[in-house]
Protein backbone atom coordinates (compact mmCIF):
# COMPACT_ATOMS: atom_id res chain seq x y z
CA UNK A 1 104.97 -209.09 3.16
CA UNK A 2 103.99 -206.01 5.76
CA UNK A 3 107.51 -204.82 5.14
CA UNK A 4 106.86 -204.85 1.39
CA UNK A 5 103.52 -203.16 1.84
CA UNK A 6 104.99 -200.56 3.94
CA UNK A 7 107.89 -199.90 1.47
CA UNK A 8 105.23 -199.30 -1.37
CA UNK A 9 103.16 -196.86 0.46
CA UNK A 10 106.17 -194.88 1.93
CA UNK A 11 107.30 -194.90 -1.72
CA UNK A 12 103.96 -193.57 -3.23
CA UNK A 13 103.55 -190.93 -0.19
CA UNK A 14 107.12 -189.98 -1.39
CA UNK A 15 105.92 -189.60 -4.98
CA UNK A 16 102.88 -187.85 -3.85
CA UNK A 17 104.94 -184.96 -2.24
CA UNK A 18 107.55 -184.65 -4.87
CA UNK A 19 104.90 -184.35 -7.46
CA UNK A 20 103.01 -181.61 -5.30
CA UNK A 21 106.62 -179.73 -4.89
CA UNK A 22 107.44 -179.77 -8.87
CA UNK A 23 103.65 -178.98 -9.06
CA UNK A 24 103.88 -175.99 -7.03
CA UNK A 25 107.28 -174.96 -8.51
CA UNK A 26 105.95 -175.25 -12.32
CA UNK A 27 102.58 -173.19 -11.26
CA UNK A 28 105.01 -170.44 -9.41
CA UNK A 29 107.19 -169.86 -12.64
CA UNK A 30 104.07 -169.79 -14.95
CA UNK A 31 102.18 -167.26 -12.86
CA UNK A 32 105.55 -165.15 -12.18
CA UNK A 33 105.82 -164.79 -16.35
CA UNK A 34 102.20 -164.14 -16.81
CA UNK A 35 101.80 -161.74 -13.90
CA UNK A 36 104.77 -159.50 -15.37
CA UNK A 37 103.15 -158.95 -18.77
CA UNK A 38 100.07 -160.24 -20.61
CA UNK A 39 100.54 -163.39 -22.71
CA UNK A 40 99.64 -161.44 -25.76
CA UNK A 41 102.79 -159.03 -25.48
CA UNK A 42 105.34 -162.14 -24.51
CA UNK A 43 107.65 -163.44 -27.50
CA UNK A 44 106.76 -166.28 -29.16
CA UNK A 45 109.53 -168.34 -27.07
CA UNK A 46 108.01 -167.05 -23.66
CA UNK A 47 104.51 -167.98 -24.95
CA UNK A 48 105.64 -171.63 -25.82
CA UNK A 49 107.52 -171.90 -22.42
CA UNK A 50 104.31 -170.91 -20.71
CA UNK A 51 101.93 -173.43 -22.61
CA UNK A 52 104.58 -175.96 -21.65
CA UNK A 53 104.80 -175.22 -18.03
CA UNK A 54 100.45 -175.27 -18.11
CA UNK A 55 100.55 -178.41 -19.65
CA UNK A 56 102.95 -179.74 -17.26
CA UNK A 57 101.06 -178.34 -13.97
CA UNK A 58 97.75 -179.93 -15.82
CA UNK A 59 99.73 -183.47 -16.39
CA UNK A 60 100.91 -183.48 -12.71
CA UNK A 61 97.58 -182.59 -11.55
CA UNK A 62 96.25 -185.52 -12.92
CA UNK A 63 98.96 -187.50 -11.83
CA UNK A 64 98.41 -186.26 -8.06
CA UNK A 65 94.95 -187.26 -8.54
CA UNK A 66 95.80 -191.10 -10.02
CA UNK A 67 98.74 -191.43 -7.03
CA UNK A 68 96.05 -190.38 -4.50
CA UNK A 69 93.16 -192.56 -5.54
CA UNK A 70 95.92 -195.30 -5.99
CA UNK A 71 96.93 -194.35 -2.47
CA UNK A 72 93.20 -194.72 -1.23
CA UNK A 73 92.70 -197.83 -2.80
CA UNK A 74 95.91 -199.31 -1.79
CA UNK A 75 94.83 -198.66 1.74
CA UNK A 76 91.48 -200.43 1.32
CA UNK A 77 93.34 -203.55 -0.06
CA UNK A 78 95.89 -203.62 2.67
CA UNK A 79 93.03 -203.38 4.86
CA UNK A 80 90.94 -205.86 3.50
CA UNK A 81 93.35 -208.33 3.00
CA UNK A 82 95.08 -208.07 6.11
CA UNK A 83 91.55 -208.48 7.98
CA UNK A 84 91.35 -211.76 5.82
CA UNK A 85 95.03 -212.84 6.92
CA UNK A 86 93.66 -212.35 10.44
CA UNK A 87 90.79 -214.30 9.92
CA UNK A 88 92.34 -217.33 8.13
CA UNK A 89 94.71 -217.19 11.42
CA UNK A 90 92.26 -217.40 13.79
CA UNK A 91 93.42 -214.13 15.54
CA UNK A 92 91.06 -212.74 17.75
CA UNK A 93 89.43 -209.26 17.29
CA UNK A 94 89.95 -206.46 19.92
CA UNK A 95 85.98 -207.04 20.42
CA UNK A 96 86.88 -210.87 21.19
CA UNK A 97 89.70 -209.62 23.52
CA UNK A 98 87.65 -207.09 25.74
CA UNK A 99 85.02 -210.12 26.34
CA UNK A 100 88.03 -212.72 27.44
CA UNK A 101 89.50 -209.91 29.70
CA UNK A 102 85.78 -209.18 31.39
CA UNK A 103 84.93 -212.51 31.70
CA UNK A 104 89.17 -213.32 33.34
CA UNK A 105 87.96 -210.10 35.59
CA UNK A 106 84.64 -211.66 37.04
CA UNK A 107 86.13 -214.95 37.18
CA UNK A 108 89.14 -213.55 39.30
CA UNK A 109 86.14 -211.79 41.57
CA UNK A 110 84.50 -215.47 41.94
CA UNK A 111 87.68 -217.25 42.84
CA UNK A 112 88.56 -213.96 45.49
CA UNK A 113 85.24 -214.55 47.00
CA UNK A 114 85.81 -218.46 47.10
CA UNK A 115 89.20 -218.17 48.44
CA UNK A 116 87.81 -215.86 51.41
CA UNK A 117 84.79 -217.87 51.95
CA UNK A 118 86.97 -221.40 52.37
CA UNK A 119 89.51 -219.46 54.64
CA UNK A 120 86.65 -218.51 56.93
CA UNK A 121 85.36 -222.04 56.73
CA UNK A 122 88.57 -223.72 57.66
CA UNK A 123 88.97 -221.17 60.41
CA UNK A 124 85.51 -222.42 61.73
CA UNK A 125 85.98 -225.88 61.35
CA UNK A 126 89.34 -225.56 63.30
CA UNK A 127 87.52 -223.25 66.28
CA UNK A 128 84.68 -226.10 66.29
CA UNK A 129 87.65 -228.94 66.41
CA UNK A 130 89.44 -227.00 69.41
CA UNK A 131 85.91 -227.00 70.70
CA UNK A 132 85.11 -230.53 70.78
CA UNK A 133 88.60 -231.69 71.82
CA UNK A 134 88.37 -229.81 75.03
């Protein structure tokens, strides 16, 4: 499932990049012909071509805005869905893991102190037994 979502996101990102490249190319070709001479002095064929380029640029800009909003929406949906899946699977959150790590650290410190104390008590007990045995 995650593989499929990754592929969908990558495809969307690739489409967006290609569309941006095409948009830049169309804008360059449209500006180049307009800059050479005003649109009023152009032959009808070039005027129509410029209008087609302008319409293409406008359509691509709309397409890019749709793709961008869809990408954001998809990202939010993936985050929401994955959160729900993790919740259903009872996967611990990062904060919960940090709490458990802290509890383990405290427990380890207590065990170390108790081991040290037991060692000291055993040593004292042996010392007392040796004294009593003499």
